[in-house]
Amino acid sequence: MNRLLLIMVFLCVIVSVNAAADTAPKKYTPVSRPHTWQEKVEDFGLSYAVLWVGYAVSQPDTVSGIRFKNFEDNVFRRGGVLWDHDAFAWNFIAHPYYGSEFYLYFRSRGYSPKWAFINTAIVSTIFEETIETFSEPFSTNDFVVTPILGGAVGWARERAGLRLVNSDNKFYRVAGHIIYLETNFPFFEKAEFVPMVSLEPGFTGFVFRASF
């Protein structure tokens, strides 16, 4: 598990360095736009698939012991929801981090901050009710911490990441792409302002390009 984590971090750094290597000083501006039902279904479907893969990779021992009887017992638990007693790092570091990643994913797909937060809460609830209940009952702290603290962390990462990505300093741009990983991928929707100087005397300007 630790080796897998190190490999993932290494790949993130490599991708971020490559993204920052572009010599054109692009200015990334987040885009907020309406979405069709098809786009929403695709975004939630991808998020759900990522949740299953992430759960299987991060907790292989738990997944190997999954039984439908566990799901039935945990979903229809007579005692109702509970406050789980998982490790502090898992409840208050891992869950907020995952929440922030989903917040940033939805922001990178053109959802407004409000809808990115709402969608993060929906994805978190779906995870708690249909995936994690195979191993443990629905927990109040995960239900609250993941979207709320995760959304706050995601909002801060977006602001810091975009500020660094838009820097003229290559080191800062690399750091920005690491903080805001979604800027490394083609699904990131943005407006780019690229300064341009023409060969014609007395002409300067910029190129504006929006990707959707």
Protein backbone atom coordinates (compact mmCIF):
# COMPACT_ATOMS: atom_id res chain seq x y z
CA MET A 1 0.00 0.00 0.00
CA ASN A 2 2.78 2.45 0.89
CA ARG A 3 4.60 1.56 -2.34
CA LEU A 4 1.42 2.22 -4.36
CA LEU A 5 0.99 5.59 -2.65
CA LEU A 6 4.59 6.56 -3.46
CA ILE A 7 4.11 5.56 -7.10
CA MET A 8 0.94 7.67 -7.33
CA VAL A 9 2.68 10.69 -5.80
CA PHE A 10 5.64 10.26 -8.18
CA LEU A 11 3.31 10.10 -11.20
CA CYS A 12 1.45 13.21 -10.03
CA VAL A 13 4.74 15.12 -9.77
CA ILE A 14 5.88 13.97 -13.24
CA VAL A 15 2.56 14.97 -14.83
CA SER A 16 2.61 18.32 -13.05
CA VAL A 17 6.18 19.09 -14.14
CA ASN A 18 5.23 18.26 -17.73
CA ALA A 19 2.15 20.48 -17.56
CA ALA A 20 4.19 23.38 -16.20
CA ALA A 21 6.88 23.00 -18.87
CA ASP A 22 4.78 24.82 -21.47
CA THR A 23 6.63 28.05 -22.22
CA ALA A 24 3.44 29.98 -23.09
CA PRO A 25 2.33 31.91 -19.96
CA LYS A 26 -1.25 30.66 -19.97
CA LYS A 27 -3.69 32.20 -17.52
CA TYR A 28 -6.18 29.69 -16.17
CA THR A 29 -9.59 31.04 -15.24
CA PRO A 30 -12.25 28.58 -13.97
CA VAL A 31 -15.45 28.33 -15.99
CA SER A 32 -18.98 27.96 -14.54
CA ARG A 33 -21.71 26.86 -16.92
CA PRO A 34 -25.01 24.93 -17.09
CA HIS A 35 -24.82 21.17 -17.67
CA THR A 36 -27.07 18.79 -19.56
CA TRP A 37 -28.55 15.74 -17.88
CA GLN A 38 -26.25 13.56 -19.95
CA GLU A 39 -23.19 15.42 -18.65
CA LYS A 40 -24.43 15.09 -15.07
CA VAL A 41 -25.04 11.36 -15.46
CA GLU A 42 -21.57 10.92 -16.98
CA ASP A 43 -19.88 12.92 -14.19
CA PHE A 44 -21.68 11.05 -11.41
CA GLY A 45 -21.12 7.72 -13.15
CA LEU A 46 -17.39 8.36 -13.41
CA SER A 47 -17.28 9.52 -9.77
CA TYR A 48 -19.05 6.35 -8.64
CA ALA A 49 -16.67 4.13 -10.62
CA VAL A 50 -13.67 5.98 -9.12
CA LEU A 51 -15.10 5.44 -5.63
CA TRP A 52 -15.30 1.68 -6.17
CA VAL A 53 -11.77 1.51 -7.59
CA GLY A 54 -10.39 3.71 -4.80
CA TYR A 55 -12.12 1.61 -2.15
CA ALA A 56 -10.77 -1.62 -3.62
CA VAL A 57 -7.22 -0.24 -3.90
CA SER A 58 -7.09 1.41 -0.48
CA GLN A 59 -8.80 -1.40 1.47
CA PRO A 60 -8.18 -4.71 -0.36
CA ASP A 61 -8.61 -6.80 2.79
CA THR A 62 -12.02 -5.27 3.47
CA VAL A 63 -13.17 -5.68 -0.13
CA SER A 64 -12.11 -9.34 -0.23
CA GLY A 65 -14.42 -10.02 2.71
CA ILE A 66 -17.47 -8.26 1.26
CA ARG A 67 -20.72 -10.20 1.46
CA PHE A 68 -24.23 -9.02 0.53
CA LYS A 69 -25.34 -10.03 4.05
CA ASN A 70 -22.97 -7.34 5.40
CA PHE A 71 -24.67 -4.74 3.18
CA GLU A 72 -28.14 -5.82 4.31
CA ASP A 73 -27.20 -5.77 8.00
CA ASN A 74 -25.49 -2.37 7.81
CA VAL A 75 -28.12 -0.59 5.71
CA PHE A 76 -31.05 -1.83 7.83
CA ARG A 77 -29.18 -1.56 11.11
CA ARG A 78 -31.70 -1.23 13.94
CA GLY A 79 -29.52 1.14 15.89
CA GLY A 80 -29.53 3.64 13.02
CA VAL A 81 -26.53 5.72 12.05
CA LEU A 82 -23.51 5.90 14.31
CA TRP A 83 -20.30 7.81 14.96
CA ASP A 84 -17.56 5.46 13.84
CA HIS A 85 -14.27 5.12 15.70
CA ASP A 86 -11.89 4.85 12.75
CA ALA A 87 -8.40 6.32 13.11
CA PHE A 88 -8.17 10.12 13.28
CA ALA A 89 -6.04 10.22 10.13
CA TRP A 90 -8.68 8.27 8.21
CA ASN A 91 -11.66 10.32 9.44
CA PHE A 92 -10.17 13.81 9.42
CA ILE A 93 -7.42 13.65 6.80
CA ALA A 94 -8.31 10.97 4.25
CA HIS A 95 -12.04 11.70 4.04
CA PRO A 96 -11.63 15.50 3.71
CA TYR A 97 -8.93 14.93 1.08
CA TYR A 98 -11.23 12.67 -0.95
CA GLY A 99 -14.02 15.21 -0.55
CA SER A 100 -11.74 17.98 -1.80
CA GLU A 101 -10.80 15.91 -4.87
CA PHE A 102 -14.44 15.48 -5.84
CA TYR A 103 -15.10 19.18 -5.22
CA LEU A 104 -12.18 20.04 -7.53
CA TYR A 105 -13.32 17.52 -10.12
CA PHE A 106 -16.75 19.10 -10.35
CA ARG A 107 -15.22 22.59 -10.42
CA SER A 108 -12.87 21.51 -13.20
CA ARG A 109 -15.89 20.27 -15.14
CA GLY A 110 -17.48 23.73 -15.07
CA TYR A 111 -19.82 23.44 -12.07
CA SER A 112 -20.18 26.52 -9.88
CA PRO A 113 -18.75 26.40 -6.33
CA LYS A 114 -22.27 25.90 -4.95
CA TRP A 115 -23.02 22.95 -7.24
CA ALA A 116 -19.55 21.49 -6.79
CA PHE A 117 -20.24 21.42 -3.04
CA ILE A 118 -23.74 19.96 -3.49
CA ASN A 119 -22.46 17.30 -5.90
CA THR A 120 -19.66 16.40 -3.48
CA ALA A 121 -22.26 15.89 -0.73
CA ILE A 122 -24.34 13.68 -3.06
CA VAL A 123 -21.33 11.57 -4.08
CA SER A 124 -20.27 11.23 -0.43
CA THR A 125 -23.77 10.09 0.59
CA ILE A 126 -23.90 7.57 -2.26
CA PHE A 127 -20.53 6.20 -1.14
CA GLU A 128 -21.66 5.89 2.47
CA GLU A 129 -24.97 4.23 1.56
CA THR A 130 -24.00 1.88 -1.28
CA ILE A 131 -20.27 1.12 -0.98
CA GLU A 132 -18.94 1.51 2.55
CA THR A 133 -22.04 -0.18 4.00
CA PHE A 134 -20.64 -3.45 2.65
CA SER A 135 -18.05 -3.22 5.44
CA GLU A 136 -19.57 -0.96 8.14
CA PRO A 137 -22.79 0.90 9.01
CA PHE A 138 -23.51 4.42 7.77
CA SER A 139 -21.48 6.83 9.93
CA THR A 140 -22.54 10.35 10.87
CA ASN A 141 -19.02 11.79 11.02
CA ASP A 142 -18.11 10.62 7.50
CA PHE A 143 -21.43 11.94 6.18
CA VAL A 144 -20.69 15.40 7.64
CA VAL A 145 -16.90 15.67 7.44
CA THR A 146 -16.35 14.48 3.85
CA PRO A 147 -18.47 17.08 2.02
CA ILE A 148 -18.19 20.02 4.46
CA LEU A 149 -14.52 19.87 5.42
CA GLY A 150 -13.66 18.37 2.03
CA GLY A 151 -15.47 21.20 0.24
CA ALA A 152 -13.62 23.79 2.33
CA VAL A 153 -10.26 22.14 1.62
CA GLY A 154 -11.15 21.91 -2.08
CA TRP A 155 -12.10 25.59 -2.20
CA ALA A 156 -8.75 26.53 -0.60
CA ARG A 157 -6.80 24.19 -2.91
CA GLU A 158 -8.49 25.69 -5.96
CA ARG A 159 -7.62 29.25 -4.98
CA ALA A 160 -4.02 28.39 -4.09
CA GLY A 161 -3.53 26.09 -7.07
CA LEU A 162 -4.84 28.55 -9.66
CA ARG A 163 -2.78 31.37 -8.22
CA LEU A 164 0.38 29.27 -8.51
CA VAL A 165 -0.51 27.79 -11.92
CA ASN A 166 -0.91 31.31 -13.30
CA SER A 167 2.51 32.35 -11.99
CA ASP A 168 5.41 33.21 -14.28
CA ASN A 169 7.68 31.11 -12.06
CA LYS A 170 8.03 27.51 -13.29
CA PHE A 171 8.53 26.12 -9.78
CA TYR A 172 5.32 27.78 -8.63
CA ARG A 173 3.47 26.42 -11.68
CA VAL A 174 4.61 22.88 -10.85
CA ALA A 175 3.44 23.34 -7.25
CA GLY A 176 0.11 24.68 -8.51
CA HIS A 177 -0.46 21.66 -10.76
CA ILE A 178 0.31 19.35 -7.82
CA ILE A 179 -2.09 21.18 -5.50
CA TYR A 180 -4.82 21.32 -8.14
CA LEU A 181 -4.24 17.98 -9.88
CA GLU A 182 -7.26 18.34 -12.16
CA THR A 183 -5.47 21.13 -14.10
CA ASN A 184 -3.21 18.40 -15.54
CA PHE A 185 -6.04 16.65 -17.40
CA PRO A 186 -7.97 17.48 -20.57
CA PHE A 187 -11.36 17.44 -18.78
CA PHE A 188 -10.37 20.64 -16.94
CA GLU A 189 -12.53 23.38 -18.44
CA LYS A 190 -10.89 26.78 -18.45
CA ALA A 191 -10.48 30.06 -20.20
CA GLU A 192 -6.92 30.72 -21.33
CA PHE A 193 -5.46 34.17 -21.79
CA VAL A 194 -2.23 33.88 -23.76
CA PRO A 195 -0.27 37.12 -24.23
CA MET A 196 0.83 37.55 -27.83
CA VAL A 197 3.17 39.95 -29.56
CA SER A 198 2.82 40.28 -33.33
CA LEU A 199 5.68 40.84 -35.76
CA GLU A 200 3.77 43.84 -37.04
CA PRO A 201 5.13 47.09 -35.57
CA GLY A 202 3.08 48.58 -32.78
CA PHE A 203 0.77 45.55 -32.26
CA THR A 204 0.38 43.77 -28.96
CA GLY A 205 -2.57 41.87 -27.61
CA PHE A 206 -3.73 38.54 -26.26
CA VAL A 207 -5.41 35.40 -27.48
CA PHE A 208 -8.55 34.27 -25.69
CA ARG A 209 -9.58 30.61 -25.91
CA ALA A 210 -12.27 28.84 -23.89
CA SER A 211 -12.54 25.07 -23.80
CA PHE A 212 -15.80 23.26 -22.97
